[in-house]
């Protein structure tokens, strides 16, 4: 059962259109697509996941081989470094952070419109641009 009235659904739909039209949304979508299709990242992520599974198995072994565990951990660390240093990943992460910041601001503004209070308000107006 939909508890929202038709007018509110229409306003939310319009707001969604406006959010999708924002450059941060477009940048995040483009960066996500590039990230998902980057062959170097795909290969590294596949191996990363395999190594994580191998590490779990090595930790669960009756007789744990500490040298094997160290080797797997080193490989996981190297793969992590490879992935996070990739310019496609960096672009994806930065676009995601910008979009997340934008959506948090949208949600905070909705909360303010409903309650009249800002959730991040410190009651010290020198910490922001003020409520009014």
Foldseek 3Di string as FASTA:
>chain_A
DDPDDPVVVVVVVVVVVVLCPDVLVVLLVVLVVCCVPPPLNVVLVVVLVVLVVVLVVLVPDPDHDVVVNVVSVVSNVVSVCVNCVDPSNVSNVVSVVVSVVVVVVVVQVVVCVVPVDGPPDPVPCVVDVDSD
